Amino acid sequence: MAVTSTSSDSPVDICSRALILIGAEPITSFDDGNNEALVSSNMYEDVAQSSLVNTRWRFATNQEVLNRLTEAPTGRYEAAYQMPSSSLMLHTLTVNGFNLEYQTYSDKVFCDANASDSVIADFSYRVDEQHWPSYFVIAVQFQLASIFAVSLARDASLSALMEQKGAIAMAKARGLDSQAQTNRKMDVSRFISNRRS
């Protein structure tokens, strides 16, 4: 019977492939009861969230209209808004397409906005693994493999190799992900007016 390869679309799948990269046994569950499962279950989520915010990934960015809170900030800002519960990192606040200055405080964001304004947040969020593109999955697997090489294989040189491969994979992933939006046009009007003067 032929074995068919499938995509990694769960935390256990991603950890299993990272374990295979260092020559360890794959896991079937975080509750397997072996060292591989223990290390995987304890390290996975931190690596996943850290990877999701190390750049502004298009596949992990969302927009949401924020809810204004009744209690105003103590000072410096006029309004407080509740951050979305799924948010990992806030990127911008806008009103009618214009950027607002803001400051995050715990799970709230403070800014100067009127009560009638519709404040929209752009943010990175904890997107499910089934929606991760393959280029990002590969990069995360190498990052995990670097950790597993130290904690399970006790091999610093293998860890350094996996970390290096992870950095290369992450750089490639950033390049591919940047193509998931309309190319921005450079505003050349200033240069043209300078040439004519």
Protein backbone atom coordinates (compact mmCIF):
# COMPACT_ATOMS: atom_id res chain seq x y z
CA MET A 1 0.00 0.00 0.00
CA ALA A 2 1.39 3.41 -1.00
CA VAL A 3 1.95 6.03 1.68
CA THR A 4 0.56 9.45 0.77
CA SER A 5 2.01 12.64 2.19
CA THR A 6 -0.45 15.14 3.62
CA SER A 7 -0.11 18.78 4.59
CA SER A 8 0.58 19.84 8.17
CA ASP A 9 -2.63 21.46 9.35
CA SER A 10 -2.59 20.93 13.13
CA PRO A 11 -0.18 21.64 16.01
CA VAL A 12 0.54 17.92 16.39
CA ASP A 13 1.33 17.54 12.66
CA ILE A 14 3.68 20.52 12.70
CA CYS A 15 5.48 19.30 15.84
CA SER A 16 5.75 15.78 14.43
CA ARG A 17 7.47 17.01 11.28
CA ALA A 18 9.81 19.20 13.31
CA LEU A 19 10.70 16.13 15.39
CA ILE A 20 11.37 14.13 12.23
CA LEU A 21 13.77 16.88 11.08
CA ILE A 22 16.05 16.13 14.05
CA GLY A 23 15.68 12.35 13.77
CA ALA A 24 13.23 11.97 16.67
CA GLU A 25 10.02 9.97 16.72
CA PRO A 26 6.85 11.80 15.63
CA ILE A 27 3.97 12.17 18.07
CA THR A 28 0.30 11.32 17.61
CA SER A 29 -0.92 13.56 20.44
CA PHE A 30 0.38 16.05 22.99
CA ASP A 31 -0.74 13.44 25.56
CA ASP A 32 1.53 10.62 24.27
CA GLY A 33 3.40 10.58 27.58
CA ASN A 34 6.92 10.64 26.09
CA ASN A 35 9.58 13.39 26.12
CA GLU A 36 8.74 14.41 22.54
CA ALA A 37 5.11 15.11 23.48
CA LEU A 38 6.13 16.87 26.71
CA VAL A 39 8.49 19.28 24.96
CA SER A 40 6.13 19.79 22.01
CA SER A 41 3.10 20.61 24.15
CA ASN A 42 5.08 23.07 26.28
CA MET A 43 6.90 24.90 23.49
CA TYR A 44 4.54 24.87 20.53
CA GLU A 45 2.11 27.69 21.28
CA ASP A 46 4.81 30.20 22.24
CA VAL A 47 6.71 29.47 19.01
CA ALA A 48 3.50 29.70 16.96
CA GLN A 49 2.44 33.06 18.41
CA SER A 50 5.97 34.48 18.20
CA SER A 51 6.17 33.44 14.54
CA LEU A 52 2.78 34.99 13.77
CA VAL A 53 3.94 38.42 14.98
CA ASN A 54 7.53 38.44 13.68
CA THR A 55 6.25 40.21 10.57
CA ARG A 56 2.91 41.54 9.38
CA TRP A 57 1.74 38.36 7.65
CA ARG A 58 -1.12 38.99 5.21
CA PHE A 59 -2.71 35.61 6.01
CA ALA A 60 -2.74 36.43 9.74
CA THR A 61 -4.00 40.02 9.53
CA ASN A 62 -7.56 41.04 10.20
CA GLN A 63 -9.69 44.17 10.56
CA GLU A 64 -12.39 44.89 13.09
CA VAL A 65 -14.45 47.86 14.23
CA LEU A 66 -13.54 48.44 17.88
CA ASN A 67 -15.98 48.85 20.76
CA ARG A 68 -15.61 52.16 22.59
CA LEU A 69 -15.46 51.80 26.36
CA THR A 70 -17.54 54.07 28.61
CA GLU A 71 -14.64 54.82 30.94
CA ALA A 72 -12.20 57.32 29.41
CA PRO A 73 -8.42 57.05 29.92
CA THR A 74 -6.92 58.79 32.96
CA GLY A 75 -4.85 61.15 30.84
CA ARG A 76 -3.33 62.03 27.43
CA TYR A 77 -6.08 60.38 25.34
CA GLU A 78 -9.80 61.03 24.90
CA ALA A 79 -11.09 57.49 24.33
CA ALA A 80 -10.47 53.87 25.22
CA TYR A 81 -11.38 50.91 22.99
CA GLN A 82 -11.44 47.20 23.68
CA MET A 83 -8.92 45.22 21.65
CA PRO A 84 -10.30 42.17 19.82
CA SER A 85 -9.83 39.03 21.91
CA SER A 86 -8.02 37.27 19.04
CA SER A 87 -5.48 40.09 18.59
CA LEU A 88 -1.78 39.31 19.03
CA MET A 89 -0.43 42.67 17.85
CA LEU A 90 -2.08 45.91 16.77
CA HIS A 91 -0.76 47.49 13.56
CA THR A 92 -2.95 50.50 12.83
CA LEU A 93 -6.06 52.35 13.91
CA THR A 94 -8.00 54.27 11.29
CA VAL A 95 -11.06 56.49 11.05
CA ASN A 96 -12.39 57.03 7.51
CA GLY A 97 -9.10 55.69 6.13
CA PHE A 98 -6.91 58.12 8.11
CA ASN A 99 -4.40 56.78 10.63
CA LEU A 100 -4.83 57.62 14.31
CA GLU A 101 -2.10 57.92 16.89
CA TYR A 102 -2.66 55.32 19.60
CA GLN A 103 -1.15 53.57 22.58
CA THR A 104 -1.96 50.04 23.77
CA TYR A 105 -2.55 49.40 27.45
CA SER A 106 -3.04 45.74 28.32
CA ASP A 107 -6.09 44.62 26.30
CA LYS A 108 -7.20 48.20 25.54
CA VAL A 109 -6.10 50.82 23.06
CA PHE A 110 -6.23 54.55 23.81
CA CYS A 111 -6.57 57.20 21.13
CA ASP A 112 -8.16 60.56 20.36
CA ALA A 113 -11.43 59.76 18.61
CA ASN A 114 -14.94 61.15 18.77
CA ALA A 115 -17.82 59.04 20.07
CA SER A 116 -19.35 59.08 16.57
CA ASP A 117 -16.16 57.79 14.90
CA SER A 118 -15.98 54.25 13.61
CA VAL A 119 -12.51 53.17 14.74
CA ILE A 120 -11.09 50.26 12.73
CA ALA A 121 -8.14 48.20 13.93
CA ASP A 122 -5.75 46.26 11.69
CA PHE A 123 -4.09 43.53 13.74
CA SER A 124 -2.28 40.21 13.66
CA TYR A 125 -4.31 37.39 15.14
CA ARG A 126 -3.94 33.73 16.11
CA VAL A 127 -5.03 32.16 12.85
CA ASP A 128 -5.73 28.40 12.87
CA GLU A 129 -3.04 26.13 11.46
CA GLN A 130 -5.33 24.89 8.70
CA HIS A 131 -5.11 28.40 7.21
CA TRP A 132 -1.31 28.66 7.40
CA PRO A 133 0.35 28.69 3.97
CA SER A 134 2.93 25.97 3.36
CA TYR A 135 5.82 28.45 3.24
CA PHE A 136 5.00 29.56 6.81
CA VAL A 137 4.50 25.99 8.09
CA ILE A 138 7.97 24.99 6.86
CA ALA A 139 9.57 28.00 8.60
CA VAL A 140 7.83 27.20 11.90
CA GLN A 141 8.85 23.55 11.65
CA PHE A 142 12.51 24.54 11.37
CA GLN A 143 12.14 26.91 14.34
CA LEU A 144 10.65 24.11 16.41
CA ALA A 145 13.34 21.71 15.21
CA SER A 146 15.98 24.11 16.54
CA ILE A 147 14.38 23.97 20.00
CA PHE A 148 13.84 20.22 19.85
CA ALA A 149 17.50 19.66 18.87
CA VAL A 150 18.60 21.23 22.16
CA SER A 151 15.91 19.85 24.46
CA LEU A 152 15.62 16.32 23.03
CA ALA A 153 18.71 15.53 20.96
CA ARG A 154 21.07 17.61 23.13
CA ASP A 155 22.87 18.61 19.95
CA ALA A 156 23.89 22.30 19.79
CA SER A 157 25.32 22.06 16.26
CA LEU A 158 22.09 20.49 14.97
CA SER A 159 20.14 23.23 16.74
CA ALA A 160 22.29 25.90 15.05
CA LEU A 161 21.75 24.27 11.65
CA MET A 162 17.97 24.14 12.15
CA GLU A 163 17.95 27.76 13.37
CA GLN A 164 19.87 28.82 10.25
CA LYS A 165 17.50 26.91 7.97
CA GLY A 166 14.56 28.42 9.87
CA ALA A 167 15.87 31.95 9.32
CA ILE A 168 16.26 31.30 5.59
CA ALA A 169 12.78 29.74 5.37
CA MET A 170 11.26 32.67 7.29
CA ALA A 171 12.93 35.20 4.95
CA LYS A 172 11.55 33.34 1.91
CA ALA A 173 8.12 33.20 3.57
CA ARG A 174 8.15 36.98 4.09
CA GLY A 175 8.93 37.49 0.42
CA LEU A 176 6.13 35.21 -0.72
CA ASP A 177 3.62 36.65 1.75
CA SER A 178 4.37 40.21 0.63
CA GLN A 179 2.93 39.30 -2.78
CA ALA A 180 -0.54 38.77 -1.28
CA GLN A 181 -1.57 42.38 -1.75
CA THR A 182 -1.75 44.98 -4.49
CA ASN A 183 1.65 46.41 -5.37
CA ARG A 184 2.05 49.87 -3.93
CA LYS A 185 2.85 52.62 -6.39
CA MET A 186 5.61 55.01 -5.51
CA ASP A 187 4.52 58.64 -5.36
CA VAL A 188 6.85 60.32 -7.85
CA SER A 189 5.09 63.69 -8.06
CA ARG A 190 7.60 65.27 -5.66
CA PHE A 191 10.53 64.11 -7.81
CA ILE A 192 8.88 65.33 -11.00
CA SER A 193 8.17 68.75 -9.54
CA ASN A 194 11.79 69.01 -8.33
CA ARG A 195 13.10 68.15 -11.80
CA ARG A 196 10.91 70.82 -13.40
CA SER A 197 11.97 73.55 -10.99
